[in-house]
């Protein structure tokens, strides 16, 4: 059983007899308390998608939910439903666009290393790889000789994600993005 301070975004925990996915975590250190950090978590029920905001002390023990992670790829989009296919047994997993909107900014049809989080036989979330390769759709023109510069400019990727890139990067370039921090890592090979 992990402490509240060890829980990460998109983790599945058991809370009040329900399985919840943690979507957002805010850490605060109130003044006047003897070093006690508080973790405010926004969680969503995997069954009915109801929202729960709860605050935990850093040392409070939480129970991780029983879940499986299945390797998958994006198969197709049907309106607001995104259908992912299991890499091993070809099971289709249907996820609503609203529940995975944040992760969709890092996913296109060529994204590898995705995992579908399955709780009680139901797909509830996507685990992203630590980095993905995406193509820049739009950015200001590259500046010749700017590779030695530390200045950056915004770039819009094909998925709609906007990241800061060095000035020498141009539209059409394929780049690596850190999914945890939404940051440019370098050009893709």
N, C-alpha and C. Protein backbone atom coordinates (compact mmCIF):
# COMPACT_ATOMS: atom_id res chain seq x y z
N UNK A 1 0.83 -1.18 0.00
CA UNK A 1 0.00 0.00 0.00
C UNK A 1 0.88 1.25 0.00
N UNK A 2 0.74 2.07 -1.03
CA UNK A 2 1.55 3.29 -1.09
C UNK A 2 0.98 4.41 -0.23
N UNK A 3 1.85 5.34 0.11
CA UNK A 3 1.42 6.55 0.81
C UNK A 3 0.80 7.50 -0.21
N UNK A 4 0.02 8.46 0.26
CA UNK A 4 -0.60 9.45 -0.64
C UNK A 4 0.47 10.21 -1.42
N UNK A 5 1.63 10.44 -0.81
CA UNK A 5 2.70 11.18 -1.48
C UNK A 5 3.33 10.40 -2.63
N UNK A 6 3.08 9.09 -2.70
CA UNK A 6 3.67 8.25 -3.75
C UNK A 6 2.72 8.01 -4.93
N UNK A 7 1.49 8.46 -4.82
CA UNK A 7 0.50 8.25 -5.88
C UNK A 7 0.79 9.21 -7.04
N UNK A 8 0.69 8.69 -8.26
CA UNK A 8 0.92 9.47 -9.47
C UNK A 8 -0.40 9.66 -10.23
N UNK A 9 -0.40 10.63 -11.16
CA UNK A 9 -1.57 10.83 -12.00
C UNK A 9 -1.87 9.56 -12.79
N UNK A 10 -3.15 9.31 -13.01
CA UNK A 10 -3.67 8.17 -13.76
C UNK A 10 -3.54 6.84 -13.01
N UNK A 11 -3.23 6.90 -11.72
CA UNK A 11 -3.20 5.69 -10.89
C UNK A 11 -4.64 5.32 -10.53
N UNK A 12 -4.88 4.03 -10.33
CA UNK A 12 -6.21 3.56 -9.91
C UNK A 12 -6.13 3.18 -8.44
N UNK A 13 -7.01 3.77 -7.62
CA UNK A 13 -7.02 3.46 -6.20
C UNK A 13 -8.43 3.07 -5.78
N UNK A 14 -8.50 2.35 -4.67
CA UNK A 14 -9.80 2.01 -4.08
C UNK A 14 -10.08 3.06 -3.02
N UNK A 15 -11.27 3.67 -3.12
CA UNK A 15 -11.64 4.72 -2.18
C UNK A 15 -13.14 4.60 -1.90
N UNK A 16 -13.49 4.44 -0.62
CA UNK A 16 -14.89 4.27 -0.20
C UNK A 16 -15.60 3.15 -0.97
N UNK A 17 -14.90 2.05 -1.19
CA UNK A 17 -15.49 0.90 -1.86
C UNK A 17 -15.64 1.07 -3.37
N UNK A 18 -15.07 2.12 -3.92
CA UNK A 18 -15.17 2.37 -5.36
C UNK A 18 -13.76 2.43 -5.96
N UNK A 19 -13.65 2.08 -7.22
CA UNK A 19 -12.37 2.18 -7.92
C UNK A 19 -12.33 3.55 -8.59
N UNK A 20 -11.29 4.31 -8.27
CA UNK A 20 -11.17 5.68 -8.76
C UNK A 20 -9.85 5.84 -9.53
N UNK A 21 -9.90 6.62 -10.61
CA UNK A 21 -8.70 6.99 -11.36
C UNK A 21 -8.32 8.41 -10.95
N UNK A 22 -7.06 8.60 -10.55
CA UNK A 22 -6.58 9.92 -10.14
C UNK A 22 -6.22 10.70 -11.41
N UNK A 23 -6.91 11.82 -11.64
CA UNK A 23 -6.67 12.61 -12.85
C UNK A 23 -5.79 13.82 -12.59
N UNK A 24 -5.81 14.34 -11.34
CA UNK A 24 -5.03 15.53 -11.05
C UNK A 24 -4.60 15.50 -9.58
N UNK A 25 -3.39 15.96 -9.30
CA UNK A 25 -2.87 16.00 -7.94
C UNK A 25 -2.25 17.38 -7.71
N UNK A 26 -2.66 18.01 -6.60
CA UNK A 26 -2.05 19.27 -6.19
C UNK A 26 -1.44 19.07 -4.81
N UNK A 27 -0.18 19.44 -4.68
CA UNK A 27 0.51 19.32 -3.39
C UNK A 27 0.54 20.68 -2.73
N UNK A 28 0.22 20.72 -1.45
CA UNK A 28 0.30 21.99 -0.72
C UNK A 28 0.94 21.75 0.64
N UNK A 29 1.64 22.77 1.11
CA UNK A 29 2.28 22.71 2.41
C UNK A 29 1.73 23.88 3.22
N UNK A 30 0.68 23.64 4.00
CA UNK A 30 0.09 24.73 4.78
C UNK A 30 1.06 25.26 5.82
N UNK A 31 1.06 26.57 5.99
CA UNK A 31 1.92 27.19 6.99
C UNK A 31 1.35 26.88 8.38
N UNK A 32 2.23 26.72 9.34
CA UNK A 32 1.80 26.48 10.71
C UNK A 32 1.62 25.01 11.05
N UNK A 33 1.79 24.12 10.06
CA UNK A 33 1.70 22.69 10.35
C UNK A 33 3.12 22.16 10.43
N UNK A 34 3.30 21.18 11.21
CA UNK A 34 4.65 20.64 11.43
C UNK A 34 5.07 19.78 10.24
N UNK A 35 5.39 20.41 9.12
CA UNK A 35 5.93 19.71 7.95
C UNK A 35 4.97 18.77 7.28
N UNK A 36 3.68 18.94 7.46
CA UNK A 36 2.72 18.01 6.87
C UNK A 36 2.22 18.47 5.52
N UNK A 37 2.65 17.81 4.46
CA UNK A 37 2.16 18.13 3.12
C UNK A 37 0.78 17.53 2.94
N UNK A 38 -0.04 18.23 2.17
CA UNK A 38 -1.37 17.74 1.84
C UNK A 38 -1.43 17.51 0.33
N UNK A 39 -2.11 16.44 -0.07
CA UNK A 39 -2.27 16.10 -1.48
C UNK A 39 -3.74 16.11 -1.82
N UNK A 40 -4.14 17.10 -2.62
CA UNK A 40 -5.53 17.20 -3.06
C UNK A 40 -5.63 16.47 -4.39
N UNK A 41 -6.47 15.44 -4.42
CA UNK A 41 -6.59 14.62 -5.62
C UNK A 41 -7.99 14.74 -6.21
N UNK A 42 -8.03 14.95 -7.52
CA UNK A 42 -9.28 14.90 -8.26
C UNK A 42 -9.35 13.52 -8.87
N UNK A 43 -10.40 12.78 -8.47
CA UNK A 43 -10.54 11.39 -8.89
C UNK A 43 -11.88 11.19 -9.59
N UNK A 44 -11.91 10.23 -10.49
CA UNK A 44 -13.13 9.90 -11.22
C UNK A 44 -13.43 8.41 -11.04
N UNK A 45 -14.69 8.11 -10.75
CA UNK A 45 -15.14 6.73 -10.60
C UNK A 45 -15.08 6.06 -11.97
N UNK A 46 -14.53 4.83 -12.03
CA UNK A 46 -14.40 4.13 -13.31
C UNK A 46 -15.75 3.64 -13.83
N UNK A 47 -16.71 3.46 -12.96
CA UNK A 47 -18.01 2.93 -13.38
C UNK A 47 -18.92 4.04 -13.90
N UNK A 48 -19.16 5.06 -13.09
CA UNK A 48 -20.13 6.10 -13.50
C UNK A 48 -19.48 7.44 -13.84
N UNK A 49 -18.15 7.52 -13.81
CA UNK A 49 -17.39 8.72 -14.16
C UNK A 49 -17.71 9.93 -13.28
N UNK A 50 -18.23 9.68 -12.08
CA UNK A 50 -18.51 10.79 -11.17
C UNK A 50 -17.20 11.30 -10.57
N UNK A 51 -17.16 12.61 -10.29
CA UNK A 51 -15.94 13.26 -9.82
C UNK A 51 -15.93 13.33 -8.30
N UNK A 52 -14.76 13.08 -7.71
CA UNK A 52 -14.57 13.21 -6.27
C UNK A 52 -13.27 13.97 -6.03
N UNK A 53 -13.34 15.04 -5.24
CA UNK A 53 -12.14 15.77 -4.81
C UNK A 53 -11.89 15.41 -3.36
N UNK A 54 -10.69 14.95 -3.05
CA UNK A 54 -10.38 14.55 -1.69
C UNK A 54 -8.96 14.98 -1.36
N UNK A 55 -8.72 15.34 -0.10
CA UNK A 55 -7.40 15.74 0.36
C UNK A 55 -6.86 14.68 1.32
N UNK A 56 -5.61 14.28 1.08
CA UNK A 56 -4.96 13.27 1.91
C UNK A 56 -3.69 13.85 2.52
N UNK A 57 -3.35 13.40 3.72
CA UNK A 57 -2.06 13.74 4.32
C UNK A 57 -1.00 12.90 3.62
N UNK A 58 0.23 13.41 3.56
CA UNK A 58 1.31 12.74 2.83
C UNK A 58 1.54 11.31 3.30
N UNK A 59 1.40 11.05 4.61
CA UNK A 59 1.69 9.73 5.16
C UNK A 59 0.49 8.78 5.13
N UNK A 60 -0.67 9.27 4.70
CA UNK A 60 -1.88 8.44 4.68
C UNK A 60 -1.71 7.31 3.67
N UNK A 61 -2.09 6.10 4.08
CA UNK A 61 -1.93 4.93 3.22
C UNK A 61 -3.17 4.76 2.35
N UNK A 62 -2.95 4.51 1.06
CA UNK A 62 -4.03 4.29 0.10
C UNK A 62 -3.88 2.90 -0.52
N UNK A 63 -4.97 2.35 -0.99
CA UNK A 63 -4.95 1.02 -1.59
C UNK A 63 -5.05 1.14 -3.10
N UNK A 64 -4.08 0.56 -3.80
CA UNK A 64 -4.14 0.56 -5.26
C UNK A 64 -5.21 -0.43 -5.70
N UNK A 65 -5.94 -0.08 -6.74
CA UNK A 65 -6.99 -0.96 -7.26
C UNK A 65 -6.37 -2.07 -8.11
N UNK A 66 -7.09 -3.15 -8.23
CA UNK A 66 -6.66 -4.26 -9.06
C UNK A 66 -6.92 -3.89 -10.51
N UNK A 67 -5.85 -3.72 -11.27
CA UNK A 67 -6.02 -3.34 -12.66
C UNK A 67 -5.01 -4.05 -13.54
N UNK A 68 -5.31 -4.08 -14.80
CA UNK A 68 -4.41 -4.65 -15.80
C UNK A 68 -4.04 -3.57 -16.79
N UNK A 69 -2.84 -3.67 -17.31
CA UNK A 69 -2.42 -2.78 -18.39
C UNK A 69 -2.20 -3.65 -19.61
N UNK A 70 -2.89 -3.31 -20.68
CA UNK A 70 -2.81 -4.09 -21.91
C UNK A 70 -2.16 -3.25 -23.01
N UNK A 71 -1.12 -3.78 -23.68
CA UNK A 71 -0.49 -3.03 -24.77
C UNK A 71 -1.50 -2.86 -25.91
N UNK A 72 -1.59 -1.66 -26.47
CA UNK A 72 -2.59 -1.40 -27.51
C UNK A 72 -2.11 -0.33 -28.47
N UNK A 73 -2.84 -0.21 -29.58
CA UNK A 73 -2.62 0.84 -30.56
C UNK A 73 -3.96 1.49 -30.89
N UNK A 74 -3.92 2.74 -31.35
CA UNK A 74 -5.13 3.41 -31.79
C UNK A 74 -5.59 2.77 -33.09
N UNK A 75 -6.81 2.28 -33.11
CA UNK A 75 -7.33 1.60 -34.28
C UNK A 75 -8.11 2.58 -35.16
N UNK A 76 -9.15 3.20 -34.59
CA UNK A 76 -9.92 4.18 -35.36
C UNK A 76 -10.74 5.05 -34.42
N UNK A 77 -11.31 6.12 -34.98
CA UNK A 77 -12.14 7.05 -34.22
C UNK A 77 -13.55 6.97 -34.79
N UNK A 78 -14.53 6.84 -33.89
CA UNK A 78 -15.94 6.77 -34.30
C UNK A 78 -16.69 7.85 -33.52
N UNK A 79 -16.76 9.06 -34.09
CA UNK A 79 -17.40 10.18 -33.39
C UNK A 79 -16.59 10.56 -32.16
N UNK A 80 -17.20 10.45 -30.97
CA UNK A 80 -16.50 10.74 -29.72
C UNK A 80 -15.89 9.50 -29.09
N UNK A 81 -15.99 8.36 -29.76
CA UNK A 81 -15.42 7.11 -29.26
C UNK A 81 -14.08 6.86 -29.95
N UNK A 82 -13.07 6.60 -29.14
CA UNK A 82 -11.77 6.20 -29.66
C UNK A 82 -11.63 4.71 -29.42
N UNK A 83 -11.31 3.97 -30.47
CA UNK A 83 -11.21 2.52 -30.36
C UNK A 83 -9.74 2.12 -30.46
N UNK A 84 -9.27 1.46 -29.41
CA UNK A 84 -7.91 0.96 -29.35
C UNK A 84 -7.96 -0.55 -29.46
N UNK A 85 -6.94 -1.13 -30.12
CA UNK A 85 -6.90 -2.58 -30.29
C UNK A 85 -5.75 -3.16 -29.48
N UNK A 86 -6.06 -4.21 -28.72
CA UNK A 86 -5.06 -4.92 -27.94
C UNK A 86 -4.02 -5.51 -28.89
N UNK A 87 -2.73 -5.28 -28.61
CA UNK A 87 -1.65 -5.79 -29.46
C UNK A 87 -1.53 -7.30 -29.44
N UNK A 88 -2.00 -7.94 -28.36
CA UNK A 88 -1.79 -9.37 -28.21
C UNK A 88 -2.99 -10.21 -28.64
N UNK A 89 -4.20 -9.85 -28.15
CA UNK A 89 -5.37 -10.69 -28.49
C UNK A 89 -6.41 -9.97 -29.34
N UNK A 90 -6.08 -8.75 -29.82
CA UNK A 90 -6.92 -7.97 -30.74
C UNK A 90 -8.28 -7.58 -30.17
N UNK A 91 -8.39 -7.51 -28.85
CA UNK A 91 -9.63 -7.06 -28.22
C UNK A 91 -9.79 -5.56 -28.46
N UNK A 92 -10.97 -5.11 -28.91
CA UNK A 92 -11.16 -3.67 -29.06
C UNK A 92 -11.56 -3.04 -27.72
N UNK A 93 -10.99 -1.88 -27.43
CA UNK A 93 -11.33 -1.13 -26.22
C UNK A 93 -11.88 0.23 -26.64
N UNK A 94 -13.10 0.54 -26.22
CA UNK A 94 -13.75 1.80 -26.57
C UNK A 94 -13.60 2.78 -25.41
N UNK A 95 -13.06 3.95 -25.70
CA UNK A 95 -12.91 4.99 -24.69
C UNK A 95 -13.52 6.28 -25.21
N UNK A 96 -14.24 6.98 -24.34
CA UNK A 96 -14.87 8.24 -24.71
C UNK A 96 -13.82 9.33 -24.78
N UNK A 97 -13.95 10.21 -25.77
CA UNK A 97 -13.00 11.31 -25.98
C UNK A 97 -12.84 12.17 -24.74
N UNK A 98 -13.94 12.44 -24.03
CA UNK A 98 -13.89 13.30 -22.85
C UNK A 98 -13.01 12.71 -21.74
N UNK A 99 -13.04 11.40 -21.57
CA UNK A 99 -12.29 10.78 -20.47
C UNK A 99 -10.79 10.69 -20.74
N UNK A 100 -10.39 10.80 -22.00
CA UNK A 100 -8.95 10.68 -22.34
C UNK A 100 -8.43 11.90 -23.09
N UNK A 101 -9.14 13.03 -23.00
CA UNK A 101 -8.79 14.23 -23.77
C UNK A 101 -7.33 14.66 -23.55
N UNK A 102 -6.86 14.59 -22.31
CA UNK A 102 -5.49 15.01 -22.00
C UNK A 102 -4.45 14.13 -22.70
N UNK A 103 -4.69 12.82 -22.71
CA UNK A 103 -3.75 11.90 -23.33
C UNK A 103 -3.79 11.95 -24.86
N UNK A 104 -4.95 12.33 -25.43
CA UNK A 104 -5.08 12.36 -26.89
C UNK A 104 -4.12 13.34 -27.55
N UNK A 105 -3.66 14.34 -26.81
CA UNK A 105 -2.70 15.30 -27.37
C UNK A 105 -1.36 14.65 -27.71
N UNK A 106 -1.12 13.45 -27.19
CA UNK A 106 0.16 12.76 -27.42
C UNK A 106 0.00 11.54 -28.34
N UNK A 107 -1.21 11.33 -28.87
CA UNK A 107 -1.47 10.10 -29.62
C UNK A 107 -1.86 10.41 -31.05
N UNK A 108 -1.18 9.74 -31.99
CA UNK A 108 -1.64 9.72 -33.38
C UNK A 108 -1.61 8.26 -33.82
N UNK A 109 -1.93 8.01 -35.08
CA UNK A 109 -2.04 6.61 -35.54
C UNK A 109 -0.72 5.85 -35.52
N UNK A 110 0.41 6.55 -35.38
CA UNK A 110 1.70 5.86 -35.38
C UNK A 110 2.30 5.70 -33.97
N UNK A 111 1.60 6.17 -32.93
CA UNK A 111 2.14 6.13 -31.57
C UNK A 111 2.29 4.69 -31.09
N UNK A 112 3.48 4.35 -30.63
CA UNK A 112 3.76 3.01 -30.12
C UNK A 112 3.97 3.08 -28.61
N UNK A 113 3.78 1.97 -27.91
CA UNK A 113 4.04 1.90 -26.48
C UNK A 113 2.88 2.29 -25.60
N UNK A 114 1.67 2.40 -26.17
CA UNK A 114 0.49 2.72 -25.37
C UNK A 114 0.03 1.51 -24.58
N UNK A 115 -0.59 1.77 -23.44
CA UNK A 115 -1.23 0.71 -22.65
C UNK A 115 -2.62 1.18 -22.27
N UNK A 116 -3.57 0.29 -22.36
CA UNK A 116 -4.93 0.57 -21.92
C UNK A 116 -5.05 0.04 -20.49
N UNK A 117 -5.54 0.88 -19.59
CA UNK A 117 -5.74 0.47 -18.20
C UNK A 117 -7.13 -0.14 -18.10
N UNK A 118 -7.19 -1.40 -17.69
CA UNK A 118 -8.46 -2.14 -17.59
C UNK A 118 -8.72 -2.46 -16.13
N UNK A 119 -9.86 -1.99 -15.60
CA UNK A 119 -10.27 -2.25 -14.24
C UNK A 119 -11.59 -3.01 -14.28
N UNK A 120 -11.63 -4.16 -13.65
CA UNK A 120 -12.82 -5.00 -13.62
C UNK A 120 -13.35 -5.26 -15.02
N UNK A 121 -12.45 -5.53 -15.97
CA UNK A 121 -12.83 -5.83 -17.34
C UNK A 121 -13.25 -4.65 -18.18
N UNK A 122 -13.17 -3.44 -17.63
CA UNK A 122 -13.62 -2.24 -18.34
C UNK A 122 -12.44 -1.30 -18.60
N UNK A 123 -12.25 -0.85 -19.86
CA UNK A 123 -11.16 0.10 -20.11
C UNK A 123 -11.49 1.45 -19.49
N UNK A 124 -10.52 2.04 -18.76
CA UNK A 124 -10.80 3.29 -18.05
C UNK A 124 -9.84 4.42 -18.39
N UNK A 125 -8.65 4.09 -18.89
CA UNK A 125 -7.67 5.14 -19.12
C UNK A 125 -6.58 4.63 -20.05
N UNK A 126 -5.68 5.55 -20.42
CA UNK A 126 -4.54 5.21 -21.26
C UNK A 126 -3.27 5.54 -20.51
N UNK A 127 -2.30 4.63 -20.53
CA UNK A 127 -0.96 4.91 -20.02
C UNK A 127 -0.09 5.25 -21.22
N UNK A 128 0.50 6.43 -21.20
CA UNK A 128 1.36 6.85 -22.30
C UNK A 128 2.79 6.37 -22.08
N UNK A 129 3.54 6.16 -23.16
CA UNK A 129 4.97 5.89 -22.99
C UNK A 129 5.66 7.16 -22.46
N UNK A 130 6.89 7.05 -22.00
CA UNK A 130 7.58 8.22 -21.43
C UNK A 130 7.85 9.29 -22.48
N UNK A 131 7.98 8.88 -23.76
CA UNK A 131 8.16 9.86 -24.82
C UNK A 131 7.45 9.39 -26.08
N UNK A 132 7.03 10.34 -26.89
CA UNK A 132 6.38 10.03 -28.17
C UNK A 132 7.02 10.87 -29.26
N UNK A 133 6.86 10.41 -30.50
CA UNK A 133 7.37 11.15 -31.65
C UNK A 133 6.18 11.70 -32.43
N UNK A 134 6.16 13.02 -32.61
CA UNK A 134 5.07 13.69 -33.33
C UNK A 134 5.65 14.67 -34.34
N UNK A 135 4.83 15.03 -35.33
CA UNK A 135 5.26 15.93 -36.40
C UNK A 135 4.74 17.33 -36.12
N UNK A 136 5.59 18.33 -36.38
CA UNK A 136 5.20 19.73 -36.21
C UNK A 136 4.35 20.15 -37.40
N UNK A 137 3.15 20.64 -37.10
CA UNK A 137 2.24 21.09 -38.15
C UNK A 137 2.47 22.56 -38.49
N UNK A 138 2.71 23.37 -37.45
CA UNK A 138 2.85 24.80 -37.69
C UNK A 138 3.80 25.43 -36.66
N UNK A 139 4.76 26.20 -37.16
CA UNK A 139 5.63 27.01 -36.31
C UNK A 139 6.20 28.12 -37.16
N UNK A 140 6.73 29.15 -36.54
CA UNK A 140 7.32 30.23 -37.33
C UNK A 140 8.55 29.68 -38.05
N UNK A 141 8.95 30.32 -39.15
CA UNK A 141 10.09 29.80 -39.93
C UNK A 141 11.35 29.67 -39.08
N UNK A 142 12.16 28.66 -39.45
CA UNK A 142 13.41 28.46 -38.71
C UNK A 142 14.39 29.58 -39.05
N UNK A 143 15.27 29.84 -38.10
CA UNK A 143 16.25 30.90 -38.27
C UNK A 143 17.60 30.26 -38.52
N UNK A 144 18.20 30.58 -39.63
CA UNK A 144 19.48 29.99 -40.00
C UNK A 144 20.54 30.39 -38.96
N UNK A 145 21.30 29.41 -38.50
CA UNK A 145 22.36 29.68 -37.54
C UNK A 145 21.85 29.83 -36.11
N UNK A 146 20.59 29.46 -35.86
CA UNK A 146 20.02 29.64 -34.52
C UNK A 146 20.26 28.43 -33.62
N UNK A 147 20.99 27.42 -34.10
CA UNK A 147 21.18 26.21 -33.29
C UNK A 147 21.98 26.48 -32.02
N UNK A 148 22.79 27.53 -32.01
CA UNK A 148 23.57 27.84 -30.81
C UNK A 148 22.76 28.69 -29.83
N UNK A 149 21.59 29.13 -30.25
CA UNK A 149 20.75 29.98 -29.42
C UNK A 149 19.91 29.14 -28.47
N UNK A 150 19.65 29.68 -27.30
CA UNK A 150 18.81 28.99 -26.32
C UNK A 150 17.37 29.46 -26.39
N UNK A 151 17.06 30.35 -27.35
CA UNK A 151 15.69 30.86 -27.46
C UNK A 151 14.78 29.80 -28.06
N UNK A 152 13.50 29.88 -27.67
CA UNK A 152 12.53 28.92 -28.18
C UNK A 152 11.36 29.66 -28.82
N UNK A 153 10.53 28.89 -29.50
CA UNK A 153 9.32 29.41 -30.13
C UNK A 153 8.24 28.35 -30.01
N UNK A 154 6.96 28.74 -30.02
CA UNK A 154 5.89 27.75 -29.92
C UNK A 154 5.72 26.98 -31.23
N UNK A 155 5.40 25.70 -31.10
CA UNK A 155 5.14 24.86 -32.27
C UNK A 155 3.87 24.05 -32.01
N UNK A 156 2.97 24.05 -32.99
CA UNK A 156 1.74 23.26 -32.88
C UNK A 156 1.98 21.94 -33.60
N UNK A 157 1.72 20.83 -32.89
CA UNK A 157 1.91 19.50 -33.46
C UNK A 157 0.63 19.03 -34.14
N UNK A 158 0.71 17.95 -34.89
CA UNK A 158 -0.45 17.44 -35.64
C UNK A 158 -1.61 17.04 -34.73
N UNK A 159 -1.33 16.76 -33.46
CA UNK A 159 -2.39 16.38 -32.52
C UNK A 159 -3.04 17.58 -31.85
N UNK A 160 -2.50 18.78 -32.05
CA UNK A 160 -3.03 19.98 -31.42
C UNK A 160 -2.22 20.44 -30.22
N UNK A 161 -1.28 19.62 -29.76
CA UNK A 161 -0.43 19.98 -28.63
C UNK A 161 0.52 21.11 -29.05
N UNK A 162 0.71 22.09 -28.17
CA UNK A 162 1.64 23.19 -28.43
C UNK A 162 2.81 23.06 -27.44
N UNK A 163 4.03 23.01 -27.97
CA UNK A 163 5.24 22.91 -27.15
C UNK A 163 6.24 23.97 -27.60
N UNK A 164 7.17 24.29 -26.73
CA UNK A 164 8.26 25.21 -27.07
C UNK A 164 9.40 24.40 -27.70
N UNK A 165 9.88 24.86 -28.83
CA UNK A 165 10.98 24.19 -29.53
C UNK A 165 12.08 25.20 -29.82
N UNK A 166 13.33 24.74 -30.01
CA UNK A 166 14.41 25.67 -30.38
C UNK A 166 14.10 26.35 -31.72
N UNK A 167 14.71 27.51 -31.95
CA UNK A 167 14.41 28.30 -33.15
C UNK A 167 14.80 27.61 -34.46
N UNK A 168 15.73 26.66 -34.42
CA UNK A 168 16.18 26.03 -35.67
C UNK A 168 15.23 24.91 -36.15
N UNK A 169 14.22 24.57 -35.38
CA UNK A 169 13.25 23.54 -35.76
C UNK A 169 12.19 24.18 -36.66
N UNK A 170 11.74 23.45 -37.69
CA UNK A 170 10.75 24.02 -38.62
C UNK A 170 9.55 23.10 -38.80
N UNK A 171 8.52 23.61 -39.46
CA UNK A 171 7.31 22.84 -39.73
C UNK A 171 7.66 21.59 -40.54
N UNK A 172 6.98 20.47 -40.23
CA UNK A 172 7.24 19.21 -40.91
C UNK A 172 8.27 18.34 -40.22
N UNK A 173 9.04 18.90 -39.28
CA UNK A 173 10.04 18.11 -38.54
C UNK A 173 9.34 17.16 -37.58
N UNK A 174 9.92 15.98 -37.41
CA UNK A 174 9.42 15.01 -36.44
C UNK A 174 10.27 15.14 -35.17
N UNK A 175 9.61 15.36 -34.03
CA UNK A 175 10.34 15.59 -32.79
C UNK A 175 9.89 14.64 -31.70
N UNK A 176 10.74 14.47 -30.68
CA UNK A 176 10.41 13.66 -29.50
C UNK A 176 9.88 14.58 -28.42
N UNK A 177 8.79 14.15 -27.76
CA UNK A 177 8.16 14.92 -26.70
C UNK A 177 8.12 14.07 -25.43
N UNK A 178 8.51 14.67 -24.31
CA UNK A 178 8.38 14.04 -23.00
C UNK A 178 6.90 14.13 -22.60
N UNK A 179 6.23 13.00 -22.40
CA UNK A 179 4.79 13.03 -22.13
C UNK A 179 4.47 13.49 -20.72
N UNK A 180 5.35 13.31 -19.77
CA UNK A 180 5.07 13.72 -18.39
C UNK A 180 5.11 15.24 -18.25
N UNK A 181 6.02 15.90 -18.97
CA UNK A 181 6.21 17.34 -18.82
C UNK A 181 5.78 18.15 -20.04
N UNK A 182 5.34 17.48 -21.11
CA UNK A 182 4.96 18.14 -22.38
C UNK A 182 6.10 19.01 -22.89
N UNK A 183 7.32 18.47 -22.89
CA UNK A 183 8.49 19.25 -23.30
C UNK A 183 9.21 18.59 -24.47
N UNK A 184 9.81 19.44 -25.29
CA UNK A 184 10.64 19.03 -26.42
C UNK A 184 11.89 18.31 -25.90
N UNK A 185 12.22 17.16 -26.51
CA UNK A 185 13.40 16.42 -26.09
C UNK A 185 14.49 16.42 -27.18
N UNK A 186 14.07 16.58 -28.42
CA UNK A 186 15.02 16.54 -29.53
C UNK A 186 14.33 16.10 -30.80
N UNK A 187 15.09 16.09 -31.87
CA UNK A 187 14.55 15.60 -33.14
C UNK A 187 14.42 14.08 -33.09
N UNK A 188 13.42 13.56 -33.76
CA UNK A 188 13.26 12.11 -33.86
C UNK A 188 14.11 11.59 -35.01
N UNK A 189 14.56 10.37 -34.86
CA UNK A 189 15.37 9.77 -35.94
C UNK A 189 14.49 9.33 -37.06
